[in-house]
N, C-alpha and C. Protein backbone atom coordinates (compact mmCIF):
# COMPACT_ATOMS: atom_id res chain seq x y z
N UNK A 1 135.01 -1.61 -72.68
CA UNK A 1 133.60 -1.88 -72.82
C UNK A 1 132.85 -0.60 -72.50
N UNK A 2 131.75 -0.41 -73.14
CA UNK A 2 130.93 0.77 -72.88
C UNK A 2 129.47 0.46 -73.13
N UNK A 3 128.63 1.25 -72.52
CA UNK A 3 127.20 1.18 -72.82
C UNK A 3 126.56 2.54 -72.57
N UNK A 4 125.44 2.77 -73.22
CA UNK A 4 124.68 3.99 -73.04
C UNK A 4 123.69 3.73 -71.91
N UNK A 5 123.85 4.43 -70.80
CA UNK A 5 123.00 4.14 -69.64
C UNK A 5 121.79 5.05 -69.57
N UNK A 6 121.92 6.29 -69.97
CA UNK A 6 120.83 7.25 -69.90
C UNK A 6 120.90 8.17 -71.11
N UNK A 7 119.74 8.59 -71.59
CA UNK A 7 119.68 9.55 -72.69
C UNK A 7 118.98 10.81 -72.20
N UNK A 8 119.55 11.95 -72.53
CA UNK A 8 119.02 13.24 -72.13
C UNK A 8 118.90 14.13 -73.36
N UNK A 9 118.16 15.22 -73.27
CA UNK A 9 118.09 16.15 -74.42
C UNK A 9 119.48 16.67 -74.83
N UNK A 10 120.40 16.77 -73.86
CA UNK A 10 121.74 17.28 -74.15
C UNK A 10 122.64 16.21 -74.78
N UNK A 11 122.29 14.96 -74.63
CA UNK A 11 123.11 13.88 -75.17
C UNK A 11 122.99 12.62 -74.33
N UNK A 12 123.88 11.70 -74.56
CA UNK A 12 123.83 10.40 -73.89
C UNK A 12 124.87 10.33 -72.78
N UNK A 13 124.56 9.52 -71.78
CA UNK A 13 125.50 9.24 -70.71
C UNK A 13 126.13 7.89 -71.02
N UNK A 14 127.39 7.91 -71.38
CA UNK A 14 128.10 6.68 -71.72
C UNK A 14 128.92 6.20 -70.53
N UNK A 15 128.83 4.92 -70.25
CA UNK A 15 129.65 4.30 -69.22
C UNK A 15 130.77 3.54 -69.92
N UNK A 16 131.99 3.77 -69.48
CA UNK A 16 133.14 3.05 -70.01
C UNK A 16 133.74 2.22 -68.89
N UNK A 17 134.14 1.02 -69.23
CA UNK A 17 134.81 0.14 -68.28
C UNK A 17 136.18 -0.18 -68.87
N UNK A 18 137.22 0.14 -68.12
CA UNK A 18 138.58 -0.15 -68.53
C UNK A 18 139.14 -1.21 -67.60
N UNK A 19 139.80 -2.18 -68.17
CA UNK A 19 140.43 -3.23 -67.38
C UNK A 19 141.94 -3.08 -67.57
N UNK A 20 142.64 -2.91 -66.47
CA UNK A 20 144.08 -2.71 -66.53
C UNK A 20 144.72 -3.27 -65.27
N UNK A 21 145.94 -3.68 -65.38
CA UNK A 21 146.71 -4.10 -64.21
C UNK A 21 147.38 -2.84 -63.66
N UNK A 22 146.96 -2.44 -62.49
CA UNK A 22 147.48 -1.21 -61.87
C UNK A 22 148.04 -1.58 -60.51
N UNK A 23 149.28 -1.20 -60.27
CA UNK A 23 149.95 -1.61 -59.05
C UNK A 23 149.89 -0.61 -57.91
N UNK A 24 149.69 0.67 -58.22
CA UNK A 24 149.69 1.69 -57.17
C UNK A 24 148.56 2.68 -57.39
N UNK A 25 148.22 3.41 -56.35
CA UNK A 25 147.21 4.45 -56.47
C UNK A 25 147.68 5.54 -57.43
N UNK A 26 148.96 5.81 -57.44
CA UNK A 26 149.49 6.82 -58.36
C UNK A 26 149.26 6.42 -59.81
N UNK A 27 149.50 5.16 -60.13
CA UNK A 27 149.25 4.68 -61.50
C UNK A 27 147.77 4.82 -61.85
N UNK A 28 146.90 4.47 -60.91
CA UNK A 28 145.46 4.61 -61.14
C UNK A 28 145.10 6.06 -61.41
N UNK A 29 145.61 6.97 -60.56
CA UNK A 29 145.28 8.38 -60.73
C UNK A 29 145.80 8.94 -62.04
N UNK A 30 146.99 8.50 -62.46
CA UNK A 30 147.52 8.96 -63.74
C UNK A 30 146.61 8.51 -64.89
N UNK A 31 146.12 7.28 -64.84
CA UNK A 31 145.19 6.78 -65.85
C UNK A 31 143.87 7.54 -65.79
N UNK A 32 143.32 7.66 -64.58
CA UNK A 32 142.03 8.35 -64.39
C UNK A 32 142.11 9.79 -64.88
N UNK A 33 143.16 10.50 -64.47
CA UNK A 33 143.30 11.91 -64.86
C UNK A 33 143.55 12.06 -66.35
N UNK A 34 144.27 11.14 -66.94
CA UNK A 34 144.47 11.18 -68.39
C UNK A 34 143.17 11.04 -69.14
N UNK A 35 142.32 10.14 -68.68
CA UNK A 35 141.01 9.95 -69.30
C UNK A 35 140.16 11.20 -69.12
N UNK A 36 140.12 11.75 -67.91
CA UNK A 36 139.31 12.95 -67.65
C UNK A 36 139.80 14.14 -68.45
N UNK A 37 141.10 14.30 -68.57
CA UNK A 37 141.64 15.40 -69.38
C UNK A 37 141.25 15.24 -70.84
N UNK A 38 141.31 14.02 -71.36
CA UNK A 38 140.93 13.77 -72.76
C UNK A 38 139.46 14.08 -72.99
N UNK A 39 138.61 13.70 -72.04
CA UNK A 39 137.18 14.00 -72.15
C UNK A 39 136.97 15.51 -72.17
N UNK A 40 137.60 16.21 -71.23
CA UNK A 40 137.43 17.67 -71.14
C UNK A 40 137.95 18.36 -72.40
N UNK A 41 139.11 17.95 -72.89
CA UNK A 41 139.70 18.59 -74.08
C UNK A 41 138.86 18.34 -75.33
N UNK A 42 138.12 17.24 -75.36
CA UNK A 42 137.29 16.94 -76.53
C UNK A 42 135.99 17.74 -76.53
N UNK A 43 135.70 18.42 -75.42
CA UNK A 43 134.47 19.21 -75.34
C UNK A 43 133.29 18.45 -74.77
N UNK A 44 133.51 17.20 -74.39
CA UNK A 44 132.43 16.41 -73.80
C UNK A 44 132.27 16.77 -72.32
N UNK A 45 131.13 16.49 -71.78
CA UNK A 45 130.85 16.78 -70.38
C UNK A 45 131.26 15.62 -69.50
N UNK A 46 131.80 15.94 -68.36
CA UNK A 46 132.09 14.93 -67.35
C UNK A 46 130.91 14.94 -66.40
N UNK A 47 130.14 13.87 -66.43
CA UNK A 47 128.92 13.85 -65.64
C UNK A 47 128.58 12.44 -65.22
N UNK A 48 127.58 12.35 -64.37
CA UNK A 48 127.06 11.07 -63.93
C UNK A 48 125.69 11.36 -63.36
N UNK A 49 124.76 10.46 -63.53
CA UNK A 49 123.41 10.71 -63.05
C UNK A 49 123.31 10.75 -61.53
N UNK A 50 124.35 10.31 -60.81
CA UNK A 50 124.38 10.43 -59.35
C UNK A 50 125.28 11.58 -58.91
N UNK A 51 125.76 12.35 -59.82
CA UNK A 51 126.66 13.49 -59.60
C UNK A 51 128.05 13.11 -60.08
N UNK A 52 128.95 14.02 -60.04
CA UNK A 52 130.27 13.78 -60.63
C UNK A 52 131.22 13.04 -59.72
N UNK A 53 131.06 13.15 -58.44
CA UNK A 53 131.99 12.51 -57.51
C UNK A 53 133.11 13.45 -57.13
N UNK A 54 133.57 13.32 -55.92
CA UNK A 54 134.57 14.25 -55.40
C UNK A 54 135.88 14.18 -56.17
N UNK A 55 136.29 13.01 -56.59
CA UNK A 55 137.55 12.90 -57.31
C UNK A 55 137.45 13.53 -58.70
N UNK A 56 136.28 13.52 -59.29
CA UNK A 56 136.08 14.05 -60.64
C UNK A 56 135.65 15.52 -60.62
N UNK A 57 135.25 16.01 -59.48
CA UNK A 57 134.70 17.37 -59.40
C UNK A 57 135.64 18.49 -59.84
N UNK A 58 136.98 18.34 -59.80
CA UNK A 58 137.81 19.43 -60.31
C UNK A 58 137.53 19.77 -61.78
N UNK A 59 136.98 18.84 -62.54
CA UNK A 59 136.65 19.08 -63.95
C UNK A 59 135.25 19.65 -64.11
N UNK A 60 134.43 19.64 -63.06
CA UNK A 60 133.05 20.10 -63.17
C UNK A 60 132.96 21.56 -63.59
N UNK A 61 133.73 22.42 -62.96
CA UNK A 61 133.65 23.85 -63.27
C UNK A 61 133.99 24.12 -64.73
N UNK A 62 134.94 23.39 -65.28
CA UNK A 62 135.27 23.54 -66.70
C UNK A 62 134.09 23.14 -67.58
N UNK A 63 133.31 22.17 -67.11
CA UNK A 63 132.19 21.66 -67.89
C UNK A 63 130.98 22.59 -67.82
N UNK A 64 130.65 23.07 -66.61
CA UNK A 64 129.43 23.87 -66.47
C UNK A 64 129.69 25.37 -66.39
N UNK A 65 130.93 25.77 -66.39
CA UNK A 65 131.38 27.16 -66.33
C UNK A 65 131.39 27.67 -64.89
N UNK A 66 132.24 28.64 -64.67
CA UNK A 66 132.43 29.21 -63.34
C UNK A 66 131.16 29.85 -62.81
N UNK A 67 130.39 30.53 -63.66
CA UNK A 67 129.18 31.22 -63.18
C UNK A 67 128.17 30.23 -62.60
N UNK A 68 128.00 29.07 -63.23
CA UNK A 68 127.08 28.06 -62.70
C UNK A 68 127.62 27.46 -61.40
N UNK A 69 128.92 27.26 -61.34
CA UNK A 69 129.52 26.71 -60.12
C UNK A 69 129.38 27.72 -58.98
N UNK A 70 129.51 29.00 -59.30
CA UNK A 70 129.34 30.04 -58.28
C UNK A 70 127.92 30.03 -57.71
N UNK A 71 126.92 29.74 -58.54
CA UNK A 71 125.54 29.63 -58.06
C UNK A 71 125.42 28.46 -57.09
N UNK A 72 126.03 27.33 -57.43
CA UNK A 72 125.99 26.17 -56.54
C UNK A 72 126.66 26.51 -55.21
N UNK A 73 127.81 27.16 -55.26
CA UNK A 73 128.51 27.54 -54.02
C UNK A 73 127.65 28.50 -53.19
N UNK A 74 127.01 29.45 -53.83
CA UNK A 74 126.16 30.42 -53.13
C UNK A 74 124.96 29.73 -52.47
N UNK A 75 124.32 28.81 -53.19
CA UNK A 75 123.19 28.08 -52.62
C UNK A 75 123.63 27.23 -51.43
N UNK A 76 124.77 26.57 -51.57
CA UNK A 76 125.29 25.76 -50.47
C UNK A 76 125.55 26.65 -49.25
N UNK A 77 126.18 27.79 -49.47
CA UNK A 77 126.49 28.70 -48.37
C UNK A 77 125.21 29.22 -47.71
N UNK A 78 124.19 29.51 -48.52
CA UNK A 78 122.93 30.04 -47.99
C UNK A 78 122.16 28.98 -47.18
N UNK A 79 121.99 27.80 -47.75
CA UNK A 79 121.17 26.78 -47.11
C UNK A 79 121.93 25.92 -46.11
N UNK A 80 123.23 25.93 -46.16
CA UNK A 80 124.03 25.10 -45.25
C UNK A 80 125.31 25.85 -44.88
N UNK A 81 125.18 26.97 -44.17
CA UNK A 81 126.35 27.81 -43.89
C UNK A 81 127.42 27.13 -43.04
N UNK A 82 127.05 26.10 -42.32
CA UNK A 82 128.02 25.40 -41.46
C UNK A 82 128.50 24.09 -42.07
N UNK A 83 128.12 23.84 -43.32
CA UNK A 83 128.53 22.63 -44.04
C UNK A 83 128.30 21.36 -43.22
N UNK A 84 127.09 21.24 -42.68
CA UNK A 84 126.78 20.03 -41.89
C UNK A 84 126.04 18.99 -42.72
N UNK A 85 125.40 19.41 -43.81
CA UNK A 85 124.70 18.45 -44.67
C UNK A 85 125.67 17.90 -45.71
N UNK A 86 125.85 16.61 -45.68
CA UNK A 86 126.72 15.95 -46.64
C UNK A 86 128.07 16.66 -46.74
N UNK A 87 128.83 16.69 -45.64
CA UNK A 87 130.10 17.43 -45.64
C UNK A 87 130.99 17.05 -46.83
N UNK A 88 131.40 18.05 -47.55
CA UNK A 88 132.22 17.83 -48.73
C UNK A 88 131.40 17.43 -49.93
N UNK A 89 130.46 16.55 -49.68
CA UNK A 89 129.56 16.12 -50.74
C UNK A 89 130.28 15.60 -51.96
N UNK A 90 129.53 15.45 -53.00
CA UNK A 90 130.10 14.92 -54.23
C UNK A 90 130.55 16.02 -55.18
N UNK A 91 130.30 17.26 -54.84
CA UNK A 91 130.73 18.36 -55.70
C UNK A 91 132.12 18.86 -55.35
N UNK A 92 132.67 18.38 -54.27
CA UNK A 92 134.02 18.77 -53.89
C UNK A 92 134.12 20.22 -53.45
N UNK A 93 133.08 20.73 -52.81
CA UNK A 93 133.09 22.13 -52.38
C UNK A 93 134.08 22.39 -51.25
N UNK A 94 134.60 21.34 -50.66
CA UNK A 94 135.56 21.51 -49.56
C UNK A 94 136.92 20.91 -49.92
N UNK A 95 137.24 20.85 -51.20
CA UNK A 95 138.50 20.24 -51.60
C UNK A 95 139.69 21.08 -51.16
N UNK A 96 140.78 20.39 -50.91
CA UNK A 96 142.03 21.07 -50.63
C UNK A 96 142.54 21.69 -51.93
N UNK A 97 143.52 22.57 -51.83
CA UNK A 97 144.11 23.17 -53.03
C UNK A 97 144.70 22.09 -53.93
N UNK A 98 145.34 21.08 -53.33
CA UNK A 98 145.93 19.98 -54.09
C UNK A 98 144.86 19.25 -54.90
N UNK A 99 143.72 18.98 -54.27
CA UNK A 99 142.64 18.29 -54.96
C UNK A 99 142.03 19.16 -56.06
N UNK A 100 141.80 20.42 -55.77
CA UNK A 100 141.19 21.32 -56.75
C UNK A 100 142.09 21.54 -57.96
N UNK A 101 143.39 21.41 -57.76
CA UNK A 101 144.34 21.58 -58.87
C UNK A 101 144.57 20.28 -59.61
N UNK A 102 143.73 19.29 -59.36
CA UNK A 102 143.78 18.00 -60.05
C UNK A 102 145.06 17.23 -59.73
N UNK A 103 145.50 17.33 -58.51
CA UNK A 103 146.68 16.58 -58.07
C UNK A 103 146.32 15.72 -56.86
N UNK A 104 145.19 15.08 -56.93
CA UNK A 104 144.67 14.29 -55.83
C UNK A 104 145.67 13.20 -55.46
N UNK A 105 146.46 13.44 -54.46
CA UNK A 105 147.44 12.47 -53.95
C UNK A 105 148.44 12.02 -55.01
N UNK A 106 148.72 12.86 -55.98
CA UNK A 106 149.68 12.49 -57.03
C UNK A 106 151.11 12.47 -56.49
N UNK A 107 151.31 13.00 -55.30
CA UNK A 107 152.66 12.97 -54.74
C UNK A 107 152.99 11.66 -54.02
N UNK A 108 152.05 10.72 -54.07
CA UNK A 108 152.29 9.43 -53.43
C UNK A 108 153.44 8.71 -54.13
N UNK A 109 154.12 7.90 -53.37
CA UNK A 109 155.21 7.11 -53.94
C UNK A 109 154.63 6.12 -54.95
N UNK A 110 155.38 5.83 -55.97
CA UNK A 110 154.92 4.88 -57.01
C UNK A 110 154.80 3.49 -56.45
């Protein structure tokens, strides 16, 4: 199921709802990451009007480019050098290497 939730000059924000029987977090992550990879490879943006979310943020830099992400990191460092406001936040600025490499707990047992 899908619906268009917001329209912007750049395009529409589509919401998709998938219903599946998933038994483990690993199965969920494999499905989620497969969907995100397909979106990224198609050239579409991974976005949300409330931000991308920490689990989805590894794809953000590919969408907005490294230079824009560097500006966000610089602003965060300038205005919040001790990372006390919204620690980690929804941009995933404090992700572990595993998370940034899109392997968010993929080593969990099936």
